[in-house]
Amino acid sequence: MSSTSRAWVVAVTVGAVEALKDQGICRWNYTLRSLHQHAKNHLRSVSQARMLSSQSSAAVWNQLREEKAKQSEESLRTVMYLSCWGPNN
């Protein structure tokens, strides 16, 4: 790209920015900041909810694992009882 065409691109860009300023695009700054802050806060609460969800699912997983261990232990007791005191063939 030649230096003349670069100068034209810069001039057009500066002109476009100045035109947008004149039309009041700067008034959108507060609105955009407000939307950004709202989105940032909302995403933070979503990530916290995910973290809480993962913690609660870990608790459920631990409870299921404990129940399975109890069931396994009870099954072993039954087998031991029957092998010691069950009918002999």
Protein backbone atom coordinates (compact mmCIF):
# COMPACT_ATOMS: atom_id res chain seq x y z
CA MET A 1 0.00 0.00 0.00
CA SER A 2 1.49 3.33 -0.98
CA SER A 3 1.91 6.19 1.46
CA THR A 4 -0.75 8.23 -0.37
CA SER A 5 -3.40 5.55 0.03
CA ARG A 6 -2.42 5.07 3.69
CA ALA A 7 -2.86 8.79 4.25
CA TRP A 8 -6.31 8.61 2.68
CA VAL A 9 -7.28 5.67 4.90
CA VAL A 10 -6.16 7.58 7.99
CA ALA A 11 -7.97 10.73 6.89
CA VAL A 12 -11.21 8.84 6.21
CA THR A 13 -10.97 7.04 9.56
CA VAL A 14 -10.41 10.28 11.46
CA GLY A 15 -13.27 11.90 9.56
CA ALA A 16 -15.58 9.00 10.39
CA VAL A 17 -14.69 9.19 14.08
CA GLU A 18 -15.28 12.94 14.16
CA ALA A 19 -18.61 12.52 12.38
CA LEU A 20 -19.70 9.91 14.91
CA LYS A 21 -18.70 12.23 17.73
CA ASP A 22 -20.78 15.01 16.20
CA GLN A 23 -23.79 12.70 15.98
CA GLY A 24 -23.63 11.98 19.71
CA ILE A 25 -22.06 8.54 19.72
CA CYS A 26 -20.20 9.59 22.88
CA ARG A 27 -23.51 9.63 24.71
CA TRP A 28 -23.58 5.87 24.20
CA ASN A 29 -20.49 5.54 26.35
CA TYR A 30 -22.47 5.44 29.62
CA THR A 31 -24.94 2.93 28.18
CA LEU A 32 -22.17 0.68 26.91
CA ARG A 33 -20.33 0.83 30.24
CA SER A 34 -23.55 0.04 32.07
CA LEU A 35 -24.27 -2.94 29.83
CA HIS A 36 -20.71 -4.17 30.22
CA GLN A 37 -20.92 -3.95 34.02
CA HIS A 38 -24.27 -5.76 34.05
CA ALA A 39 -22.92 -8.55 31.85
CA LYS A 40 -19.79 -8.84 33.98
CA ASN A 41 -21.84 -9.16 37.18
CA HIS A 42 -24.22 -11.64 35.58
CA LEU A 43 -21.40 -13.86 34.33
CA ARG A 44 -19.82 -13.79 37.77
CA SER A 45 -23.06 -15.02 39.35
CA VAL A 46 -23.35 -17.75 36.68
CA SER A 47 -19.82 -18.95 37.39
CA GLN A 48 -20.54 -18.94 41.14
CA ALA A 49 -23.70 -20.96 40.51
CA ARG A 50 -21.67 -23.47 38.51
CA MET A 51 -19.16 -23.73 41.33
CA LEU A 52 -21.94 -24.30 43.86
CA SER A 53 -23.54 -26.80 41.53
CA SER A 54 -20.28 -28.71 41.20
CA GLN A 55 -19.87 -28.70 44.99
CA SER A 56 -23.39 -30.03 45.51
CA SER A 57 -22.88 -32.69 42.83
CA ALA A 58 -19.67 -33.74 44.61
CA ALA A 59 -21.63 -34.08 47.84
CA VAL A 60 -24.27 -36.20 46.09
CA TRP A 61 -21.52 -38.31 44.52
CA ASN A 62 -19.92 -38.89 47.95
CA GLN A 63 -23.28 -39.88 49.42
CA LEU A 64 -23.90 -42.38 46.61
CA ARG A 65 -20.42 -43.82 47.07
CA GLU A 66 -21.03 -44.26 50.82
CA GLU A 67 -24.37 -45.98 50.17
CA LYS A 68 -22.73 -48.33 47.68
CA ALA A 69 -19.98 -49.14 50.20
CA LYS A 70 -22.62 -49.90 52.87
CA GLN A 71 -24.51 -52.13 50.46
CA SER A 72 -21.30 -53.93 49.51
CA GLU A 73 -20.41 -54.46 53.17
CA GLU A 74 -23.88 -55.81 53.91
CA SER A 75 -23.61 -58.18 50.96
CA LEU A 76 -20.25 -59.44 52.24
CA ARG A 77 -21.74 -60.00 55.70
CA THR A 78 -24.56 -62.04 54.20
CA VAL A 79 -22.13 -64.19 52.25
CA MET A 80 -19.95 -64.72 55.33
CA TYR A 81 -22.98 -65.64 57.46
CA LEU A 82 -24.31 -68.12 54.91
CA SER A 83 -20.90 -69.68 54.40
CA CYS A 84 -20.48 -70.18 58.17
CA TRP A 85 -24.04 -70.97 59.28
CA GLY A 86 -25.91 -71.85 56.12
CA PRO A 87 -27.14 -75.29 55.11
CA ASN A 88 -24.41 -77.84 54.43
CA ASN A 89 -24.92 -80.06 51.43
